[in-house]
Amino acid sequence: MNCPNCERDMQQGVLQAGNLMAFNKTRHKVSLLSREEADVMIVQKAFTSTDFGGWICRKCGLIVFDYTKQFTRW
């Protein structure tokens, strides 16, 4: 896959997340508390971690992953 930012080759791999991950429109002190409709809780699990298949650009640092396709770490 080519990076949509700088058009270099991206490295395929696994993004390993903890038990909480959010994408918020603005920075929050506590990411669990969604304030706006645009906020997305990507991972919210009590006892397990979650991984995602994805790509990273080693040149510009962009990471691309599909947050709807997660798998639980064993």
C-alpha atoms as a PDB file:
ATOM      1  CA  MET A   1       0.000   0.000   0.000  1.00  0.00           C
ATOM      2  CA  ASN A   2       1.260   3.488  -0.795  1.00  0.00           C
ATOM      3  CA  CYS A   3       1.002   6.214   1.828  1.00  0.00           C
ATOM      4  CA  PRO A   4      -1.829   8.641   1.039  1.00  0.00           C
ATOM      5  CA  ASN A   5       0.263  11.412   2.605  1.00  0.00           C
ATOM      6  CA  CYS A   6       3.722  11.085   1.000  1.00  0.00           C
ATOM      7  CA  GLU A   7       3.117   8.259  -1.525  1.00  0.00           C
ATOM      8  CA  ARG A   8       5.941   6.046  -0.171  1.00  0.00           C
ATOM      9  CA  ASP A   9       5.548   2.302   0.432  1.00  0.00           C
ATOM     10  CA  MET A  10       3.887   1.474   3.740  1.00  0.00           C
ATOM     11  CA  GLN A  11       4.841  -1.461   5.970  1.00  0.00           C
ATOM     12  CA  GLN A  12       2.000  -3.850   6.797  1.00  0.00           C
ATOM     13  CA  GLY A  13       1.714  -5.041  10.385  1.00  0.00           C
ATOM     14  CA  VAL A  14      -0.342  -5.052  13.562  1.00  0.00           C
ATOM     15  CA  LEU A  15      -1.331  -2.040  15.654  1.00  0.00           C
ATOM     16  CA  GLN A  16      -1.452  -3.297  19.243  1.00  0.00           C
ATOM     17  CA  ALA A  17      -3.748  -1.310  21.509  1.00  0.00           C
ATOM     18  CA  GLY A  18      -4.594  -1.534  25.158  1.00  0.00           C
ATOM     19  CA  ASN A  19      -8.085  -1.949  26.525  1.00  0.00           C
ATOM     20  CA  LEU A  20      -9.131   1.651  25.756  1.00  0.00           C
ATOM     21  CA  MET A  21      -8.714   3.738  22.623  1.00  0.00           C
ATOM     22  CA  ALA A  22     -10.705   6.747  21.450  1.00  0.00           C
ATOM     23  CA  PHE A  23     -10.598   9.180  18.540  1.00  0.00           C
ATOM     24  CA  ASN A  24     -12.027  12.478  19.717  1.00  0.00           C
ATOM     25  CA  LYS A  25     -12.667  15.659  17.818  1.00  0.00           C
ATOM     26  CA  THR A  26     -10.897  17.601  20.573  1.00  0.00           C
ATOM     27  CA  ARG A  27      -8.474  16.524  23.295  1.00  0.00           C
ATOM     28  CA  HIS A  28     -10.133  15.304  26.509  1.00  0.00           C
ATOM     29  CA  LYS A  29      -8.624  14.780  29.954  1.00  0.00           C
ATOM     30  CA  VAL A  30     -10.495  11.466  30.127  1.00  0.00           C
ATOM     31  CA  SER A  31     -10.881   9.917  26.670  1.00  0.00           C
ATOM     32  CA  LEU A  32     -13.716   7.643  27.875  1.00  0.00           C
ATOM     33  CA  LEU A  33     -16.140  10.519  28.081  1.00  0.00           C
ATOM     34  CA  SER A  34     -17.446  11.295  24.619  1.00  0.00           C
ATOM     35  CA  ARG A  35     -18.458  14.926  24.459  1.00  0.00           C
ATOM     36  CA  GLU A  36     -19.424  15.250  20.832  1.00  0.00           C
ATOM     37  CA  GLU A  37     -21.225  13.101  18.297  1.00  0.00           C
ATOM     38  CA  ALA A  38     -18.027  13.069  16.204  1.00  0.00           C
ATOM     39  CA  ASP A  39     -16.108  11.260  19.003  1.00  0.00           C
ATOM     40  CA  VAL A  40     -15.477   7.556  18.332  1.00  0.00           C
ATOM     41  CA  MET A  41     -14.739   4.969  21.011  1.00  0.00           C
ATOM     42  CA  ILE A  42     -12.535   2.550  19.074  1.00  0.00           C
ATOM     43  CA  VAL A  43     -11.812   0.083  21.904  1.00  0.00           C
ATOM     44  CA  GLN A  44     -13.549  -0.214  25.258  1.00  0.00           C
ATOM     45  CA  LYS A  45     -12.854  -3.539  26.940  1.00  0.00           C
ATOM     46  CA  ALA A  46     -12.416  -4.230  30.625  1.00  0.00           C
ATOM     47  CA  PHE A  47      -9.929  -7.102  30.694  1.00  0.00           C
ATOM     48  CA  THR A  48      -8.534  -7.727  27.205  1.00  0.00           C
ATOM     49  CA  SER A  49      -6.415  -5.819  24.739  1.00  0.00           C
ATOM     50  CA  THR A  50      -7.253  -5.343  21.078  1.00  0.00           C
ATOM     51  CA  ASP A  51      -5.141  -5.473  17.926  1.00  0.00           C
ATOM     52  CA  PHE A  52      -5.773  -4.177  14.420  1.00  0.00           C
ATOM     53  CA  GLY A  53      -4.208  -5.051  11.096  1.00  0.00           C
ATOM     54  CA  GLY A  54      -2.809  -1.950   9.456  1.00  0.00           C
ATOM     55  CA  TRP A  55      -0.023  -0.108   7.685  1.00  0.00           C
ATOM     56  CA  ILE A  56       2.629   2.369   8.869  1.00  0.00           C
ATOM     57  CA  CYS A  57       4.633   4.837   6.819  1.00  0.00           C
ATOM     58  CA  ARG A  58       8.182   4.901   8.198  1.00  0.00           C
ATOM     59  CA  LYS A  59       8.856   8.123   6.260  1.00  0.00           C
ATOM     60  CA  CYS A  60       6.093  10.461   7.493  1.00  0.00           C
ATOM     61  CA  GLY A  61       4.670   8.485  10.441  1.00  0.00           C
ATOM     62  CA  LEU A  62       1.113   8.022   9.178  1.00  0.00           C
ATOM     63  CA  ILE A  63      -0.685   4.907  10.444  1.00  0.00           C
ATOM     64  CA  VAL A  64      -3.702   3.509   8.588  1.00  0.00           C
ATOM     65  CA  PHE A  65      -5.990   0.885  10.132  1.00  0.00           C
ATOM     66  CA  ASP A  66      -9.648  -0.165   9.991  1.00  0.00           C
ATOM     67  CA  TYR A  67     -11.033   0.179  13.509  1.00  0.00           C
ATOM     68  CA  THR A  68     -14.101  -1.919  12.637  1.00  0.00           C
ATOM     69  CA  LYS A  69     -11.886  -4.981  12.079  1.00  0.00           C
ATOM     70  CA  GLN A  70     -10.379  -5.657  15.470  1.00  0.00           C
ATOM     71  CA  PHE A  71      -9.221  -8.888  17.018  1.00  0.00           C
ATOM     72  CA  THR A  72      -8.698  -9.639  20.692  1.00  0.00           C
ATOM     73  CA  ARG A  73      -5.223 -10.453  21.864  1.00  0.00           C
ATOM     74  CA  TRP A  74      -4.972 -13.897  23.435  1.00  0.00           C
END
